[in-house]
Amino acid sequence: MKNKAEKKAQADELRVQLANVSTVVLSTFQGITVEDDTKLRRAVEAAGGKYQVVKNTVAERAAAGTPTEGLLKDLKGTNSIAYTTSDPVTLAKTLTKFAKDVPAFKFRAGWVEGRVVSIAEITQLSNLPSKEELISKIMFMLNAPAQRLATALSALPRNLAVVTSEAVKANKFAGGEGAPAQAAPAPESAQ
């Protein structure tokens, strides 16, 4: 068991991390095997976040004075937190997938971009495209009109060449309406 100084140091370290997070998900870890816990830690780290089991008093002390104070106040039971400073969608997707694979892992609540969110909102968040996917879609939408304009502009000379070629084949450039061109008679020389 940790002594009081160790708990204070842990709370101080967690306070520094919680001061800069964009997302915190509070969950219960009761009934999760050590192997599953290790898989969860690795998955959360791969998603750019951190996961840790916390004592309720340590979590409450750490959250005091941070934006996550409302989420981590008056905790009961066994709790763990996953948090990130980056994309909340990626963390939510990772945790939701793990919760489907390991039914013992259950969400309690979350904090996203300054407000406490429900379990249902965490699930909805996991269904959104990631930040990278959204940027990709926006870039495609911005690029599409320019591509269409370039295609239309490049089609003009090609279409002109095709029409001209067809007109030449049909003798449309002759002296009259579709008639073949006739050479003008040569002037007769005076004798």
Foldseek 3Di string as FASTA:
>chain_A
DDDPVVLVVLLQVLLVVLQQFQKKWKKACPPPDPVLVVVLQVQLVVLAKGKDWDDLVSQCSSCVPHLCNVVSPPDDDTMMMITHNDWLLSNLLSLVVSCVVPVSIGTQWMHGRRRIGGPVVSVVSPPDDTPVVVVVVVVCVVCVVVVVVVVVVVVVVVVVVVVVVVCVVQVVVAPDHSDHHDDDDDDDDDD
